[in-house]
Amino acid sequence: MAYKITDDCISCGACAAECPVGCISEGDGKYVINADECLDCGSCAGACPVSAPVADE
């Protein structure tokens, strides 16, 4: 199950820098995760200062 980034995102880019497969990119007003490439590792969630990346259930 992939992660998603909530509207709490402050567009700091910390999550993108931590993603081991590079599936996070800057979107319109917040970063977005390509669900097809996400490994569900949680690295992005650990790096985010506002806990915006969450498991997409």
N, C-alpha and C. Protein backbone atom coordinates (compact mmCIF):
# COMPACT_ATOMS: atom_id res chain seq x y z
N MET A 1 0.85 -1.18 0.00
CA MET A 1 0.00 0.00 0.00
C MET A 1 0.89 1.24 0.00
N ALA A 2 0.69 2.12 -0.90
CA ALA A 2 1.51 3.32 -1.06
C ALA A 2 1.18 4.38 -0.01
N TYR A 3 2.11 5.30 0.14
CA TYR A 3 1.88 6.46 0.98
C TYR A 3 1.26 7.56 0.13
N LYS A 4 0.63 8.52 0.79
CA LYS A 4 0.12 9.71 0.12
C LYS A 4 0.50 10.90 0.98
N ILE A 5 0.50 12.08 0.41
CA ILE A 5 0.85 13.29 1.14
C ILE A 5 -0.41 14.12 1.33
N THR A 6 -0.70 14.43 2.58
CA THR A 6 -1.92 15.18 2.91
C THR A 6 -1.73 16.67 2.63
N ASP A 7 -2.81 17.42 2.80
CA ASP A 7 -2.78 18.86 2.59
C ASP A 7 -1.97 19.59 3.66
N ASP A 8 -1.49 18.87 4.68
CA ASP A 8 -0.63 19.48 5.70
C ASP A 8 0.76 19.80 5.16
N CYS A 9 1.09 19.31 3.97
CA CYS A 9 2.40 19.51 3.35
C CYS A 9 2.76 20.99 3.27
N ILE A 10 4.01 21.31 3.66
CA ILE A 10 4.49 22.69 3.60
C ILE A 10 5.50 22.87 2.46
N SER A 11 5.61 21.89 1.57
CA SER A 11 6.47 21.94 0.39
C SER A 11 7.94 22.19 0.72
N CYS A 12 8.43 21.55 1.78
CA CYS A 12 9.83 21.75 2.16
C CYS A 12 10.78 20.83 1.39
N GLY A 13 10.26 19.70 0.88
CA GLY A 13 11.07 18.79 0.09
C GLY A 13 11.82 17.74 0.89
N ALA A 14 11.68 17.73 2.19
CA ALA A 14 12.39 16.75 3.03
C ALA A 14 12.03 15.33 2.65
N CYS A 15 10.79 15.08 2.33
CA CYS A 15 10.34 13.73 1.98
C CYS A 15 10.97 13.26 0.68
N ALA A 16 11.03 14.15 -0.31
CA ALA A 16 11.59 13.79 -1.61
C ALA A 16 13.06 13.42 -1.49
N ALA A 17 13.79 14.12 -0.63
CA ALA A 17 15.21 13.85 -0.44
C ALA A 17 15.44 12.48 0.21
N GLU A 18 14.49 12.00 0.98
CA GLU A 18 14.64 10.73 1.68
C GLU A 18 14.12 9.52 0.90
N CYS A 19 13.35 9.73 -0.14
CA CYS A 19 12.74 8.62 -0.88
C CYS A 19 13.82 7.81 -1.62
N PRO A 20 13.94 6.51 -1.32
CA PRO A 20 14.98 5.70 -1.95
C PRO A 20 14.74 5.40 -3.43
N VAL A 21 13.52 5.56 -3.91
CA VAL A 21 13.22 5.27 -5.31
C VAL A 21 12.84 6.52 -6.11
N GLY A 22 12.86 7.68 -5.46
CA GLY A 22 12.59 8.93 -6.15
C GLY A 22 11.18 9.08 -6.68
N CYS A 23 10.21 8.56 -5.95
CA CYS A 23 8.83 8.62 -6.45
C CYS A 23 8.06 9.84 -5.94
N ILE A 24 8.74 10.76 -5.25
CA ILE A 24 8.09 11.96 -4.73
C ILE A 24 8.55 13.16 -5.54
N SER A 25 7.58 13.95 -5.99
CA SER A 25 7.91 15.13 -6.78
C SER A 25 7.07 16.31 -6.33
N GLU A 26 7.52 17.51 -6.70
CA GLU A 26 6.79 18.72 -6.34
C GLU A 26 5.55 18.84 -7.20
N GLY A 27 4.42 18.98 -6.54
CA GLY A 27 3.15 19.11 -7.25
C GLY A 27 2.63 20.53 -7.14
N ASP A 28 1.36 20.70 -7.36
CA ASP A 28 0.72 22.01 -7.31
C ASP A 28 0.38 22.36 -5.85
N GLY A 29 1.27 23.04 -5.17
CA GLY A 29 1.02 23.46 -3.80
C GLY A 29 1.49 22.48 -2.74
N LYS A 30 1.83 21.27 -3.12
CA LYS A 30 2.35 20.28 -2.19
C LYS A 30 3.08 19.20 -2.98
N TYR A 31 3.87 18.41 -2.28
CA TYR A 31 4.55 17.30 -2.93
C TYR A 31 3.58 16.14 -3.13
N VAL A 32 3.86 15.31 -4.13
CA VAL A 32 2.99 14.17 -4.43
C VAL A 32 3.83 12.91 -4.57
N ILE A 33 3.21 11.78 -4.30
CA ILE A 33 3.86 10.48 -4.38
C ILE A 33 3.26 9.69 -5.52
N ASN A 34 4.11 9.14 -6.39
CA ASN A 34 3.66 8.25 -7.45
C ASN A 34 3.39 6.89 -6.81
N ALA A 35 2.13 6.54 -6.64
CA ALA A 35 1.74 5.32 -5.94
C ALA A 35 2.25 4.06 -6.62
N ASP A 36 2.42 4.10 -7.93
CA ASP A 36 2.89 2.92 -8.66
C ASP A 36 4.35 2.61 -8.37
N GLU A 37 5.12 3.61 -7.93
CA GLU A 37 6.54 3.42 -7.65
C GLU A 37 6.85 3.33 -6.16
N CYS A 38 5.93 3.73 -5.30
CA CYS A 38 6.14 3.77 -3.85
C CYS A 38 6.36 2.36 -3.30
N LEU A 39 7.42 2.22 -2.48
CA LEU A 39 7.74 0.93 -1.86
C LEU A 39 7.07 0.73 -0.51
N ASP A 40 6.36 1.73 -0.02
CA ASP A 40 5.71 1.67 1.28
C ASP A 40 6.73 1.51 2.41
N CYS A 41 7.89 2.16 2.25
CA CYS A 41 8.97 2.01 3.24
C CYS A 41 8.82 2.96 4.43
N GLY A 42 8.12 4.08 4.24
CA GLY A 42 7.90 5.03 5.32
C GLY A 42 9.02 6.03 5.54
N SER A 43 10.05 6.02 4.69
CA SER A 43 11.15 6.97 4.85
C SER A 43 10.66 8.41 4.78
N CYS A 44 9.71 8.67 3.92
CA CYS A 44 9.17 10.02 3.75
C CYS A 44 8.47 10.49 5.03
N ALA A 45 7.73 9.60 5.64
CA ALA A 45 6.99 9.96 6.86
C ALA A 45 7.94 10.31 7.99
N GLY A 46 9.06 9.60 8.07
CA GLY A 46 10.03 9.88 9.11
C GLY A 46 10.77 11.18 8.91
N ALA A 47 10.88 11.63 7.67
CA ALA A 47 11.62 12.85 7.36
C ALA A 47 10.77 14.12 7.43
N CYS A 48 9.47 13.97 7.34
CA CYS A 48 8.57 15.12 7.25
C CYS A 48 8.39 15.82 8.60
N PRO A 49 8.62 17.14 8.66
CA PRO A 49 8.46 17.87 9.93
C PRO A 49 7.00 18.08 10.34
N VAL A 50 6.05 17.87 9.42
CA VAL A 50 4.64 18.10 9.75
C VAL A 50 3.79 16.83 9.60
N SER A 51 4.44 15.67 9.44
CA SER A 51 3.74 14.38 9.32
C SER A 51 2.73 14.33 8.19
N ALA A 52 3.05 14.95 7.06
CA ALA A 52 2.13 14.97 5.92
C ALA A 52 2.04 13.62 5.18
N PRO A 53 3.14 12.88 5.01
CA PRO A 53 3.01 11.57 4.34
C PRO A 53 2.36 10.55 5.28
N VAL A 54 1.30 9.91 4.80
CA VAL A 54 0.60 8.89 5.59
C VAL A 54 0.32 7.68 4.70
N ALA A 55 0.16 6.53 5.33
CA ALA A 55 -0.18 5.32 4.58
C ALA A 55 -1.56 5.48 3.97
N ASP A 56 -1.68 5.22 2.69
CA ASP A 56 -2.95 5.35 1.98
C ASP A 56 -3.74 4.05 2.16
N GLU A 57 -4.80 4.14 2.92
CA GLU A 57 -5.57 2.93 3.24
C GLU A 57 -6.77 2.75 2.38
